[in-house]
Amino acid sequence: MDFRAKIKDFAEGPISRHLILELLSDYDRPNDKISELIKNNELIPIRRGLYITGPEMDLPSPEPFLIANHLRGPSYVSLETALFYWNLIPERTYEISSATIKTSKTYKTPVGRFSYHQLKLPYYSYGIKSIVYSPKQTALIASPEKALCDKIVLTPRVNLRSIKQTQQFLLDDLRMDSEILNTLNKEIMETWIENAPKKNSLKMLIKTLRVL
């Protein structure tokens, strides 16, 4: 059985080097085979010990959000990336931003740039939703409400102290649509505040959303 047939069942997610070595167990020099697969664009390394299938393999590949979840985990897609996904901001971002309980880190990979921003538990665990792309691909992303809270919590020097200032931040700086903002669940956001950073800013956010 050739390598493509062996790896086909795993192609929709990032693949560990350990698994690849298992699939190449009948090779005398499996590490040389991995180097050959990378050279031929059949495997793409996205970080040390983690790969996705390349275009020359002609197999389904993992969605970028799923790659983000695996590249540094545990994590979920958030901030501008999630805000754009939920149609809260108009511009697509050039990198995929995520929240993690690990230290902040950025990866520049052949398939894009991925940034990770540290949040503490239990706030980290609130408002995470799943996107099901296929039976083998489910990615974690912040809900619209959590993505907006994360944006305020993780943006340096953003301290919301008045309704006018908050409106300017939402409508002018982030260019959000007031009608979409009105659909956000303020009640669920209130339940997060006790364990959240920047409590006063999030309280002002909720107060502002109620009067938009």
N, C-alpha and C. Protein backbone atom coordinates (compact mmCIF):
# COMPACT_ATOMS: atom_id res chain seq x y z
N MET A 1 0.84 -1.20 0.00
CA MET A 1 0.00 0.00 0.00
C MET A 1 0.88 1.25 0.00
N ASP A 2 0.58 2.21 -0.93
CA ASP A 2 1.41 3.40 -0.98
C ASP A 2 1.04 4.37 0.15
N PHE A 3 1.91 5.38 0.37
CA PHE A 3 1.73 6.27 1.51
C PHE A 3 0.44 7.06 1.40
N ARG A 4 0.04 7.47 0.19
CA ARG A 4 -1.20 8.23 0.03
C ARG A 4 -2.40 7.43 0.53
N ALA A 5 -2.44 6.17 0.20
CA ALA A 5 -3.55 5.32 0.65
C ALA A 5 -3.54 5.16 2.17
N LYS A 6 -2.33 5.10 2.75
CA LYS A 6 -2.22 4.93 4.20
C LYS A 6 -2.67 6.19 4.94
N ILE A 7 -2.36 7.34 4.40
CA ILE A 7 -2.62 8.59 5.14
C ILE A 7 -3.98 9.18 4.83
N LYS A 8 -4.67 8.62 3.86
CA LYS A 8 -5.95 9.19 3.39
C LYS A 8 -6.94 9.41 4.53
N ASP A 9 -7.06 8.44 5.42
CA ASP A 9 -8.04 8.54 6.51
C ASP A 9 -7.70 9.62 7.53
N PHE A 10 -6.47 10.13 7.51
CA PHE A 10 -6.04 11.12 8.50
C PHE A 10 -5.87 12.52 7.90
N ALA A 11 -6.13 12.66 6.60
CA ALA A 11 -5.75 13.89 5.88
C ALA A 11 -6.55 15.11 6.28
N GLU A 12 -7.73 14.92 6.88
CA GLU A 12 -8.56 16.08 7.20
C GLU A 12 -8.18 16.76 8.51
N GLY A 13 -7.09 16.34 9.10
CA GLY A 13 -6.61 17.00 10.31
C GLY A 13 -5.10 17.08 10.30
N PRO A 14 -4.50 17.94 11.12
CA PRO A 14 -3.04 17.93 11.26
C PRO A 14 -2.57 16.56 11.72
N ILE A 15 -1.40 16.17 11.25
CA ILE A 15 -0.90 14.81 11.45
C ILE A 15 0.43 14.88 12.20
N SER A 16 0.55 14.10 13.26
CA SER A 16 1.78 14.12 14.06
C SER A 16 2.87 13.32 13.37
N ARG A 17 4.11 13.68 13.65
CA ARG A 17 5.25 12.92 13.13
C ARG A 17 5.21 11.48 13.62
N HIS A 18 4.76 11.29 14.86
CA HIS A 18 4.67 9.94 15.42
C HIS A 18 3.76 9.06 14.56
N LEU A 19 2.60 9.59 14.15
CA LEU A 19 1.69 8.83 13.31
C LEU A 19 2.30 8.54 11.95
N ILE A 20 2.97 9.55 11.37
CA ILE A 20 3.60 9.34 10.06
C ILE A 20 4.65 8.25 10.14
N LEU A 21 5.43 8.25 11.21
CA LEU A 21 6.45 7.21 11.37
C LEU A 21 5.80 5.82 11.49
N GLU A 22 4.65 5.76 12.15
CA GLU A 22 3.93 4.48 12.23
C GLU A 22 3.48 4.02 10.85
N LEU A 23 2.99 4.97 10.04
CA LEU A 23 2.53 4.62 8.70
C LEU A 23 3.68 4.23 7.78
N LEU A 24 4.88 4.68 8.14
CA LEU A 24 6.07 4.36 7.34
C LEU A 24 6.91 3.26 7.98
N SER A 25 6.30 2.47 8.83
CA SER A 25 7.07 1.47 9.59
C SER A 25 7.72 0.41 8.71
N ASP A 26 7.23 0.23 7.49
CA ASP A 26 7.83 -0.78 6.61
C ASP A 26 9.00 -0.21 5.80
N TYR A 27 9.33 1.07 6.03
CA TYR A 27 10.49 1.68 5.38
C TYR A 27 11.72 1.51 6.27
N ASP A 28 12.87 1.22 5.65
CA ASP A 28 14.11 1.10 6.41
C ASP A 28 14.56 2.45 6.96
N ARG A 29 14.29 3.52 6.19
CA ARG A 29 14.72 4.87 6.60
C ARG A 29 13.53 5.82 6.51
N PRO A 30 12.60 5.73 7.48
CA PRO A 30 11.37 6.54 7.41
C PRO A 30 11.63 8.03 7.46
N ASN A 31 12.66 8.48 8.19
CA ASN A 31 12.94 9.91 8.24
C ASN A 31 13.34 10.46 6.87
N ASP A 32 14.08 9.65 6.11
CA ASP A 32 14.43 10.05 4.75
C ASP A 32 13.17 10.15 3.88
N LYS A 33 12.23 9.24 4.09
CA LYS A 33 10.97 9.28 3.33
C LYS A 33 10.18 10.53 3.67
N ILE A 34 10.15 10.92 4.95
CA ILE A 34 9.46 12.15 5.34
C ILE A 34 10.09 13.35 4.63
N SER A 35 11.41 13.41 4.60
CA SER A 35 12.10 14.51 3.91
C SER A 35 11.73 14.53 2.43
N GLU A 36 11.62 13.36 1.83
CA GLU A 36 11.24 13.26 0.41
C GLU A 36 9.81 13.76 0.20
N LEU A 37 8.90 13.38 1.09
CA LEU A 37 7.50 13.81 0.98
C LEU A 37 7.38 15.33 1.10
N ILE A 38 8.18 15.91 2.00
CA ILE A 38 8.17 17.38 2.14
C ILE A 38 8.73 18.03 0.88
N LYS A 39 9.82 17.51 0.36
CA LYS A 39 10.45 18.06 -0.86
C LYS A 39 9.48 18.00 -2.04
N ASN A 40 8.68 16.94 -2.11
CA ASN A 40 7.75 16.76 -3.22
C ASN A 40 6.41 17.45 -2.99
N ASN A 41 6.31 18.23 -1.92
CA ASN A 41 5.09 18.98 -1.59
C ASN A 41 3.91 18.05 -1.33
N GLU A 42 4.21 16.85 -0.83
CA GLU A 42 3.15 15.92 -0.43
C GLU A 42 2.84 16.04 1.06
N LEU A 43 3.80 16.52 1.83
CA LEU A 43 3.60 16.87 3.24
C LEU A 43 4.07 18.30 3.45
N ILE A 44 3.34 19.03 4.30
CA ILE A 44 3.73 20.40 4.64
C ILE A 44 3.93 20.48 6.15
N PRO A 45 5.15 20.80 6.62
CA PRO A 45 5.35 20.96 8.07
C PRO A 45 4.79 22.30 8.53
N ILE A 46 3.95 22.27 9.56
CA ILE A 46 3.40 23.54 10.06
C ILE A 46 4.02 23.95 11.39
N ARG A 47 4.60 23.02 12.09
CA ARG A 47 5.50 23.30 13.21
C ARG A 47 6.25 22.01 13.49
N ARG A 48 7.18 22.05 14.39
CA ARG A 48 7.98 20.87 14.69
C ARG A 48 7.07 19.71 15.11
N GLY A 49 7.16 18.61 14.35
CA GLY A 49 6.41 17.42 14.70
C GLY A 49 4.96 17.40 14.26
N LEU A 50 4.52 18.39 13.46
CA LEU A 50 3.12 18.45 13.02
C LEU A 50 3.05 18.83 11.55
N TYR A 51 2.22 18.11 10.80
CA TYR A 51 2.16 18.26 9.35
C TYR A 51 0.71 18.26 8.87
N ILE A 52 0.53 18.75 7.64
CA ILE A 52 -0.71 18.53 6.90
C ILE A 52 -0.32 17.99 5.53
N THR A 53 -1.26 17.34 4.86
CA THR A 53 -0.96 16.85 3.52
C THR A 53 -0.85 18.02 2.55
N GLY A 54 0.07 17.90 1.60
CA GLY A 54 0.30 18.95 0.63
C GLY A 54 -0.54 18.78 -0.62
N PRO A 55 -0.53 19.77 -1.51
CA PRO A 55 -1.37 19.73 -2.72
C PRO A 55 -1.07 18.56 -3.64
N GLU A 56 0.18 18.11 -3.66
CA GLU A 56 0.53 16.99 -4.53
C GLU A 56 -0.08 15.67 -4.07
N MET A 57 -0.55 15.63 -2.85
CA MET A 57 -1.20 14.42 -2.34
C MET A 57 -2.64 14.32 -2.83
N ASP A 58 -3.22 15.49 -3.20
CA ASP A 58 -4.58 15.55 -3.74
C ASP A 58 -5.59 14.86 -2.83
N LEU A 59 -5.58 15.27 -1.56
CA LEU A 59 -6.52 14.75 -0.56
C LEU A 59 -7.20 15.92 0.13
N PRO A 60 -8.36 15.71 0.75
CA PRO A 60 -8.99 16.78 1.53
C PRO A 60 -8.02 17.27 2.61
N SER A 61 -7.96 18.57 2.80
CA SER A 61 -7.03 19.13 3.79
C SER A 61 -7.81 19.78 4.92
N PRO A 62 -7.21 19.93 6.09
CA PRO A 62 -7.92 20.53 7.22
C PRO A 62 -8.21 22.01 7.00
N GLU A 63 -9.35 22.45 7.51
CA GLU A 63 -9.70 23.87 7.45
C GLU A 63 -8.74 24.68 8.32
N PRO A 64 -8.50 25.94 7.93
CA PRO A 64 -7.56 26.78 8.70
C PRO A 64 -7.89 26.89 10.19
N PHE A 65 -9.18 26.96 10.54
CA PHE A 65 -9.54 27.07 11.95
C PHE A 65 -9.17 25.80 12.70
N LEU A 66 -9.30 24.65 12.05
CA LEU A 66 -8.92 23.39 12.69
C LEU A 66 -7.40 23.33 12.86
N ILE A 67 -6.67 23.79 11.86
CA ILE A 67 -5.21 23.87 11.99
C ILE A 67 -4.85 24.74 13.18
N ALA A 68 -5.53 25.87 13.32
CA ALA A 68 -5.27 26.78 14.44
C ALA A 68 -5.49 26.08 15.78
N ASN A 69 -6.56 25.30 15.89
CA ASN A 69 -6.84 24.58 17.14
C ASN A 69 -5.73 23.61 17.50
N HIS A 70 -5.12 22.97 16.50
CA HIS A 70 -4.10 21.95 16.74
C HIS A 70 -2.70 22.52 16.88
N LEU A 71 -2.45 23.64 16.23
CA LEU A 71 -1.10 24.19 16.21
C LEU A 71 -0.62 24.55 17.62
N ARG A 72 -1.54 25.07 18.43
CA ARG A 72 -1.23 25.36 19.83
C ARG A 72 -2.50 25.13 20.63
N GLY A 73 -2.52 24.07 21.39
CA GLY A 73 -3.73 23.74 22.10
C GLY A 73 -3.49 23.56 23.60
N PRO A 74 -4.53 23.69 24.40
CA PRO A 74 -5.89 24.00 23.96
C PRO A 74 -6.02 25.47 23.51
N SER A 75 -6.87 25.67 22.53
CA SER A 75 -7.11 27.02 22.03
C SER A 75 -8.43 27.04 21.27
N TYR A 76 -8.92 28.24 21.03
CA TYR A 76 -10.09 28.43 20.16
C TYR A 76 -9.88 29.71 19.37
N VAL A 77 -10.41 29.76 18.17
CA VAL A 77 -10.30 30.94 17.30
C VAL A 77 -11.11 32.08 17.91
N SER A 78 -10.53 33.29 17.94
CA SER A 78 -11.22 34.41 18.57
C SER A 78 -10.78 35.73 17.93
N LEU A 79 -11.02 36.82 18.69
CA LEU A 79 -10.59 38.16 18.28
C LEU A 79 -11.11 38.51 16.88
N GLU A 80 -10.31 39.24 16.08
CA GLU A 80 -10.79 39.71 14.78
C GLU A 80 -11.20 38.57 13.85
N THR A 81 -10.51 37.44 13.96
CA THR A 81 -10.85 36.32 13.09
C THR A 81 -12.27 35.84 13.34
N ALA A 82 -12.62 35.67 14.61
CA ALA A 82 -13.98 35.24 14.94
C ALA A 82 -14.99 36.37 14.69
N LEU A 83 -14.61 37.61 14.97
CA LEU A 83 -15.53 38.73 14.72
C LEU A 83 -15.89 38.82 13.24
N PHE A 84 -14.91 38.58 12.36
CA PHE A 84 -15.20 38.59 10.93
C PHE A 84 -16.07 37.38 10.55
N TYR A 85 -15.75 36.23 11.11
CA TYR A 85 -16.54 35.03 10.81
C TYR A 85 -18.02 35.24 11.13
N TRP A 86 -18.28 35.93 12.25
CA TRP A 86 -19.67 36.18 12.67
C TRP A 86 -20.24 37.46 12.07
N ASN A 87 -19.56 38.05 11.10
CA ASN A 87 -20.02 39.27 10.39
C ASN A 87 -20.14 40.49 11.30
N LEU A 88 -19.33 40.52 12.35
CA LEU A 88 -19.35 41.67 13.25
C LEU A 88 -18.42 42.78 12.79
N ILE A 89 -17.39 42.46 12.05
CA ILE A 89 -16.51 43.46 11.46
C ILE A 89 -16.42 43.21 9.96
N PRO A 90 -16.14 44.26 9.17
CA PRO A 90 -16.20 44.11 7.71
C PRO A 90 -14.95 43.56 7.04
N GLU A 91 -13.78 43.67 7.70
CA GLU A 91 -12.54 43.29 7.04
C GLU A 91 -12.05 41.92 7.48
N ARG A 92 -11.68 41.10 6.51
CA ARG A 92 -11.01 39.83 6.80
C ARG A 92 -9.61 40.12 7.33
N THR A 93 -9.15 39.32 8.26
CA THR A 93 -7.83 39.54 8.85
C THR A 93 -6.77 38.73 8.12
N TYR A 94 -5.52 39.18 8.19
CA TYR A 94 -4.43 38.52 7.48
C TYR A 94 -3.84 37.36 8.26
N GLU A 95 -4.23 37.21 9.52
CA GLU A 95 -3.78 36.07 10.31
C GLU A 95 -4.95 35.51 11.09
N ILE A 96 -4.80 34.27 11.54
CA ILE A 96 -5.84 33.65 12.37
C ILE A 96 -5.45 33.83 13.83
N SER A 97 -6.30 34.52 14.56
CA SER A 97 -6.03 34.82 15.98
C SER A 97 -6.83 33.88 16.87
N SER A 98 -6.19 33.41 17.93
CA SER A 98 -6.82 32.48 18.85
C SER A 98 -6.52 32.86 20.28
N ALA A 99 -7.34 32.34 21.19
CA ALA A 99 -7.08 32.44 22.62
C ALA A 99 -6.60 31.08 23.11
N THR A 100 -5.72 31.09 24.09
CA THR A 100 -5.16 29.86 24.64
C THR A 100 -4.91 30.04 26.13
N ILE A 101 -4.81 28.93 26.85
CA ILE A 101 -4.41 29.03 28.26
C ILE A 101 -2.88 28.97 28.38
N LYS A 102 -2.21 28.67 27.28
CA LYS A 102 -0.75 28.67 27.28
C LYS A 102 -0.23 30.09 27.08
N THR A 103 1.08 30.24 27.07
CA THR A 103 1.67 31.55 26.84
C THR A 103 1.40 32.01 25.41
N SER A 104 1.39 33.32 25.21
CA SER A 104 1.14 33.88 23.89
C SER A 104 2.28 33.52 22.94
N LYS A 105 1.92 33.29 21.67
CA LYS A 105 2.91 32.86 20.70
C LYS A 105 2.37 33.10 19.30
N THR A 106 3.27 33.31 18.33
CA THR A 106 2.88 33.45 16.93
C THR A 106 3.65 32.45 16.08
N TYR A 107 2.95 31.80 15.16
CA TYR A 107 3.57 30.86 14.24
C TYR A 107 3.42 31.39 12.81
N LYS A 108 4.51 31.43 12.09
CA LYS A 108 4.47 31.72 10.66
C LYS A 108 4.68 30.40 9.93
N THR A 109 3.67 29.95 9.23
CA THR A 109 3.70 28.64 8.59
C THR A 109 3.52 28.78 7.08
N PRO A 110 3.78 27.72 6.33
CA PRO A 110 3.54 27.76 4.88
C PRO A 110 2.07 27.97 4.51
N VAL A 111 1.16 27.75 5.46
CA VAL A 111 -0.27 27.91 5.16
C VAL A 111 -0.86 29.13 5.87
N GLY A 112 -0.02 30.02 6.39
CA GLY A 112 -0.52 31.24 7.00
C GLY A 112 0.10 31.53 8.35
N ARG A 113 -0.30 32.67 8.89
CA ARG A 113 0.21 33.14 10.17
C ARG A 113 -0.86 32.93 11.23
N PHE A 114 -0.46 32.39 12.38
CA PHE A 114 -1.38 32.07 13.47
C PHE A 114 -0.86 32.69 14.75
N SER A 115 -1.69 33.50 15.41
CA SER A 115 -1.29 34.13 16.66
C SER A 115 -2.17 33.61 17.80
N TYR A 116 -1.55 33.50 18.99
CA TYR A 116 -2.22 32.96 20.17
C TYR A 116 -2.02 33.93 21.32
N HIS A 117 -3.11 34.17 22.06
CA HIS A 117 -3.11 35.17 23.12
C HIS A 117 -3.62 34.51 24.41
N GLN A 118 -2.86 34.68 25.47
CA GLN A 118 -3.15 33.95 26.71
C GLN A 118 -4.33 34.54 27.47
N LEU A 119 -5.21 33.65 27.92
CA LEU A 119 -6.30 33.98 28.83
C LEU A 119 -6.28 32.99 29.99
N LYS A 120 -6.69 33.44 31.13
CA LYS A 120 -6.69 32.59 32.32
C LYS A 120 -8.04 31.88 32.48
N LEU A 121 -8.00 30.69 33.06
CA LEU A 121 -9.22 30.01 33.47
C LEU A 121 -9.81 30.67 34.71
N PRO A 122 -11.11 30.66 34.92
CA PRO A 122 -12.12 30.02 34.09
C PRO A 122 -12.64 30.87 32.94
N TYR A 123 -12.24 32.17 32.89
CA TYR A 123 -12.77 33.03 31.82
C TYR A 123 -12.53 32.42 30.45
N TYR A 124 -11.37 31.83 30.25
CA TYR A 124 -11.04 31.22 28.96
C TYR A 124 -12.13 30.27 28.47
N SER A 125 -12.71 29.52 29.37
CA SER A 125 -13.61 28.42 28.99
C SER A 125 -15.01 28.87 28.60
N TYR A 126 -15.33 30.16 28.77
CA TYR A 126 -16.68 30.62 28.50
C TYR A 126 -16.88 30.86 26.99
N GLY A 127 -18.10 30.66 26.53
CA GLY A 127 -18.51 31.11 25.21
C GLY A 127 -17.78 30.47 24.03
N ILE A 128 -17.45 29.20 24.13
CA ILE A 128 -16.78 28.52 23.03
C ILE A 128 -17.81 27.69 22.26
N LYS A 129 -17.81 27.85 20.94
CA LYS A 129 -18.74 27.12 20.08
C LYS A 129 -17.97 26.22 19.12
N SER A 130 -18.69 25.30 18.49
CA SER A 130 -18.09 24.38 17.53
C SER A 130 -18.58 24.68 16.13
N ILE A 131 -17.68 24.58 15.16
CA ILE A 131 -18.05 24.64 13.75
C ILE A 131 -17.79 23.26 13.16
N VAL A 132 -18.81 22.63 12.62
CA VAL A 132 -18.66 21.31 12.02
C VAL A 132 -18.52 21.48 10.52
N TYR A 133 -17.32 21.22 10.01
CA TYR A 133 -17.07 21.31 8.57
C TYR A 133 -17.39 20.00 7.86
N SER A 134 -17.12 18.90 8.53
CA SER A 134 -17.34 17.56 7.97
C SER A 134 -17.33 16.59 9.14
N PRO A 135 -17.69 15.31 8.92
CA PRO A 135 -17.66 14.34 10.02
C PRO A 135 -16.30 14.24 10.71
N LYS A 136 -15.22 14.60 10.01
CA LYS A 136 -13.88 14.50 10.59
C LYS A 136 -13.28 15.85 10.97
N GLN A 137 -14.04 16.94 10.76
CA GLN A 137 -13.48 18.26 11.04
C GLN A 137 -14.45 19.10 11.85
N THR A 138 -14.11 19.33 13.11
CA THR A 138 -14.87 20.22 13.99
C THR A 138 -13.89 21.17 14.66
N ALA A 139 -14.09 22.46 14.47
CA ALA A 139 -13.18 23.47 15.02
C ALA A 139 -13.86 24.25 16.13
N LEU A 140 -13.06 24.74 17.07
CA LEU A 140 -13.56 25.55 18.18
C LEU A 140 -13.35 27.03 17.90
N ILE A 141 -14.39 27.82 18.16
CA ILE A 141 -14.35 29.26 17.90
C ILE A 141 -15.13 29.98 19.00
N ALA A 142 -14.73 31.20 19.29
CA ALA A 142 -15.47 32.02 20.25
C ALA A 142 -16.84 32.37 19.68
N SER A 143 -17.84 32.38 20.53
CA SER A 143 -19.15 32.90 20.13
C SER A 143 -18.99 34.39 19.79
N PRO A 144 -19.96 34.98 19.10
CA PRO A 144 -19.85 36.42 18.81
C PRO A 144 -19.62 37.25 20.07
N GLU A 145 -20.35 36.91 21.13
CA GLU A 145 -20.22 37.65 22.40
C GLU A 145 -18.82 37.49 22.99
N LYS A 146 -18.30 36.26 22.99
CA LYS A 146 -16.99 36.02 23.59
C LYS A 146 -15.89 36.65 22.76
N ALA A 147 -16.02 36.60 21.44
CA ALA A 147 -15.01 37.21 20.58
C ALA A 147 -14.90 38.70 20.85
N LEU A 148 -16.03 39.36 21.06
CA LEU A 148 -16.00 40.80 21.35
C LEU A 148 -15.41 41.06 22.73
N CYS A 149 -15.79 40.28 23.71
CA CYS A 149 -15.20 40.44 25.04
C CYS A 149 -13.69 40.19 24.99
N ASP A 150 -13.28 39.14 24.28
CA ASP A 150 -11.84 38.85 24.16
C ASP A 150 -11.10 40.01 23.51
N LYS A 151 -11.73 40.62 22.50
CA LYS A 151 -11.08 41.76 21.82
C LYS A 151 -10.82 42.89 22.81
N ILE A 152 -11.77 43.16 23.67
CA ILE A 152 -11.60 44.24 24.66
C ILE A 152 -10.57 43.82 25.72
N VAL A 153 -10.68 42.59 26.20
CA VAL A 153 -9.79 42.11 27.25
C VAL A 153 -8.33 42.06 26.77
N LEU A 154 -8.12 41.67 25.54
CA LEU A 154 -6.76 41.41 25.06
C LEU A 154 -6.13 42.57 24.29
N THR A 155 -6.86 43.64 24.08
CA THR A 155 -6.29 44.80 23.38
C THR A 155 -5.67 45.76 24.39
N PRO A 156 -4.36 45.96 24.34
CA PRO A 156 -3.71 46.88 25.28
C PRO A 156 -4.29 48.29 25.17
N ARG A 157 -4.35 48.94 26.31
CA ARG A 157 -4.77 50.35 26.42
C ARG A 157 -6.23 50.60 26.05
N VAL A 158 -7.01 49.53 25.90
CA VAL A 158 -8.45 49.71 25.73
C VAL A 158 -9.10 49.57 27.10
N ASN A 159 -9.53 50.73 27.64
CA ASN A 159 -10.23 50.77 28.92
C ASN A 159 -11.48 51.62 28.74
N LEU A 160 -12.62 50.96 28.71
CA LEU A 160 -13.87 51.63 28.39
C LEU A 160 -14.47 52.24 29.66
N ARG A 161 -14.67 53.56 29.62
CA ARG A 161 -15.10 54.26 30.82
C ARG A 161 -16.40 55.04 30.63
N SER A 162 -16.92 55.12 29.40
CA SER A 162 -18.17 55.84 29.16
C SER A 162 -18.88 55.22 27.97
N ILE A 163 -20.19 55.49 27.90
CA ILE A 163 -20.96 54.97 26.77
C ILE A 163 -20.47 55.59 25.46
N LYS A 164 -20.18 56.87 25.47
CA LYS A 164 -19.71 57.54 24.25
C LYS A 164 -18.39 56.94 23.76
N GLN A 165 -17.48 56.73 24.68
CA GLN A 165 -16.18 56.14 24.31
C GLN A 165 -16.38 54.73 23.76
N THR A 166 -17.27 53.96 24.39
CA THR A 166 -17.51 52.59 23.96
C THR A 166 -18.17 52.54 22.59
N GLN A 167 -19.12 53.44 22.37
CA GLN A 167 -19.74 53.53 21.05
C GLN A 167 -18.71 53.85 19.97
N GLN A 168 -17.81 54.76 20.28
CA GLN A 168 -16.76 55.12 19.32
C GLN A 168 -15.87 53.91 19.03
N PHE A 169 -15.52 53.17 20.07
CA PHE A 169 -14.68 51.99 19.89
C PHE A 169 -15.37 50.95 19.00
N LEU A 170 -16.66 50.71 19.27
CA LEU A 170 -17.38 49.68 18.53
C LEU A 170 -17.71 50.11 17.10
N LEU A 171 -18.25 51.31 16.96
CA LEU A 171 -18.79 51.73 15.67
C LEU A 171 -17.76 52.41 14.77
N ASP A 172 -16.81 53.11 15.37
CA ASP A 172 -15.81 53.82 14.56
C ASP A 172 -14.51 53.04 14.43
N ASP A 173 -13.96 52.62 15.57
CA ASP A 173 -12.67 51.92 15.53
C ASP A 173 -12.81 50.53 14.90
N LEU A 174 -13.80 49.76 15.35
CA LEU A 174 -13.98 48.40 14.84
C LEU A 174 -14.94 48.34 13.65
N ARG A 175 -15.66 49.43 13.41
CA ARG A 175 -16.60 49.53 12.28
C ARG A 175 -17.67 48.44 12.35
N MET A 176 -18.20 48.24 13.54
CA MET A 176 -19.25 47.26 13.72
C MET A 176 -20.61 47.82 13.33
N ASP A 177 -21.53 46.94 13.02
CA ASP A 177 -22.90 47.30 12.65
C ASP A 177 -23.77 47.29 13.90
N SER A 178 -24.43 48.39 14.17
CA SER A 178 -25.23 48.49 15.41
C SER A 178 -26.38 47.48 15.42
N GLU A 179 -26.94 47.17 14.26
CA GLU A 179 -28.03 46.19 14.22
C GLU A 179 -27.55 44.80 14.62
N ILE A 180 -26.35 44.42 14.16
CA ILE A 180 -25.80 43.12 14.55
C ILE A 180 -25.42 43.12 16.03
N LEU A 181 -24.87 44.23 16.50
CA LEU A 181 -24.53 44.33 17.92
C LEU A 181 -25.77 44.15 18.80
N ASN A 182 -26.90 44.61 18.31
CA ASN A 182 -28.14 44.49 19.09
C ASN A 182 -28.59 43.04 19.25
N THR A 183 -28.07 42.14 18.43
CA THR A 183 -28.47 40.73 18.52
C THR A 183 -27.65 39.97 19.57
N LEU A 184 -26.60 40.60 20.11
CA LEU A 184 -25.74 39.89 21.07
C LEU A 184 -26.48 39.65 22.39
N ASN A 185 -26.15 38.55 23.01
CA ASN A 185 -26.79 38.13 24.26
C ASN A 185 -26.08 38.79 25.45
N LYS A 186 -26.65 39.89 25.91
CA LYS A 186 -26.04 40.62 27.02
C LYS A 186 -26.10 39.83 28.33
N GLU A 187 -27.14 39.04 28.49
CA GLU A 187 -27.31 38.29 29.73
C GLU A 187 -26.19 37.27 29.92
N ILE A 188 -25.86 36.56 28.85
CA ILE A 188 -24.78 35.57 28.98
C ILE A 188 -23.45 36.26 29.23
N MET A 189 -23.24 37.42 28.62
CA MET A 189 -21.99 38.16 28.84
C MET A 189 -21.86 38.58 30.30
N GLU A 190 -22.97 38.94 30.92
CA GLU A 190 -22.93 39.35 32.33
C GLU A 190 -22.45 38.23 33.23
N THR A 191 -22.75 36.98 32.87
CA THR A 191 -22.35 35.86 33.72
C THR A 191 -20.84 35.63 33.70
N TRP A 192 -20.15 36.20 32.72
CA TRP A 192 -18.70 36.01 32.61
C TRP A 192 -17.91 37.02 33.43
N ILE A 193 -18.52 38.14 33.79
CA ILE A 193 -17.78 39.28 34.33
C ILE A 193 -17.05 38.96 35.63
N GLU A 194 -17.67 38.19 36.50
CA GLU A 194 -17.07 37.93 37.81
C GLU A 194 -15.65 37.37 37.68
N ASN A 195 -15.41 36.53 36.66
CA ASN A 195 -14.10 35.90 36.50
C ASN A 195 -13.30 36.47 35.32
N ALA A 196 -13.71 37.62 34.82
CA ALA A 196 -13.08 38.18 33.63
C ALA A 196 -12.05 39.25 33.97
N PRO A 197 -11.02 39.40 33.14
CA PRO A 197 -10.16 40.58 33.23
C PRO A 197 -10.96 41.82 32.78
N LYS A 198 -10.46 42.98 33.11
CA LYS A 198 -11.09 44.25 32.68
C LYS A 198 -12.60 44.26 32.96
N LYS A 199 -12.95 43.91 34.18
CA LYS A 199 -14.36 43.83 34.56
C LYS A 199 -15.12 45.12 34.25
N ASN A 200 -14.53 46.27 34.59
CA ASN A 200 -15.23 47.54 34.40
C ASN A 200 -15.47 47.83 32.93
N SER A 201 -14.50 47.48 32.08
CA SER A 201 -14.68 47.70 30.65
C SER A 201 -15.79 46.82 30.10
N LEU A 202 -15.86 45.57 30.55
CA LEU A 202 -16.92 44.68 30.06
C LEU A 202 -18.29 45.12 30.59
N LYS A 203 -18.34 45.63 31.81
CA LYS A 203 -19.60 46.17 32.31
C LYS A 203 -20.06 47.36 31.47
N MET A 204 -19.12 48.22 31.09
CA MET A 204 -19.46 49.36 30.24
C MET A 204 -19.88 48.90 28.85
N LEU A 205 -19.25 47.86 28.35
CA LEU A 205 -19.65 47.30 27.06
C LEU A 205 -21.12 46.86 27.10
N ILE A 206 -21.48 46.11 28.11
CA ILE A 206 -22.85 45.61 28.22
C ILE A 206 -23.82 46.77 28.38
N LYS A 207 -23.46 47.75 29.18
CA LYS A 207 -24.31 48.94 29.37
C LYS A 207 -24.54 49.67 28.04
N THR A 208 -23.48 49.76 27.26
CA THR A 208 -23.57 50.45 25.96
C THR A 208 -24.43 49.64 24.98
N LEU A 209 -24.25 48.33 24.97
CA LEU A 209 -25.04 47.48 24.07
C LEU A 209 -26.54 47.61 24.36
N ARG A 210 -26.89 47.86 25.61
CA ARG A 210 -28.30 47.97 25.98
C ARG A 210 -28.94 49.27 25.47
N VAL A 211 -28.12 50.26 25.14
CA VAL A 211 -28.69 51.54 24.70
C VAL A 211 -28.43 51.84 23.23
N LEU A 212 -27.79 50.94 22.54
CA LEU A 212 -27.54 51.16 21.10
C LEU A 212 -28.85 51.21 20.32
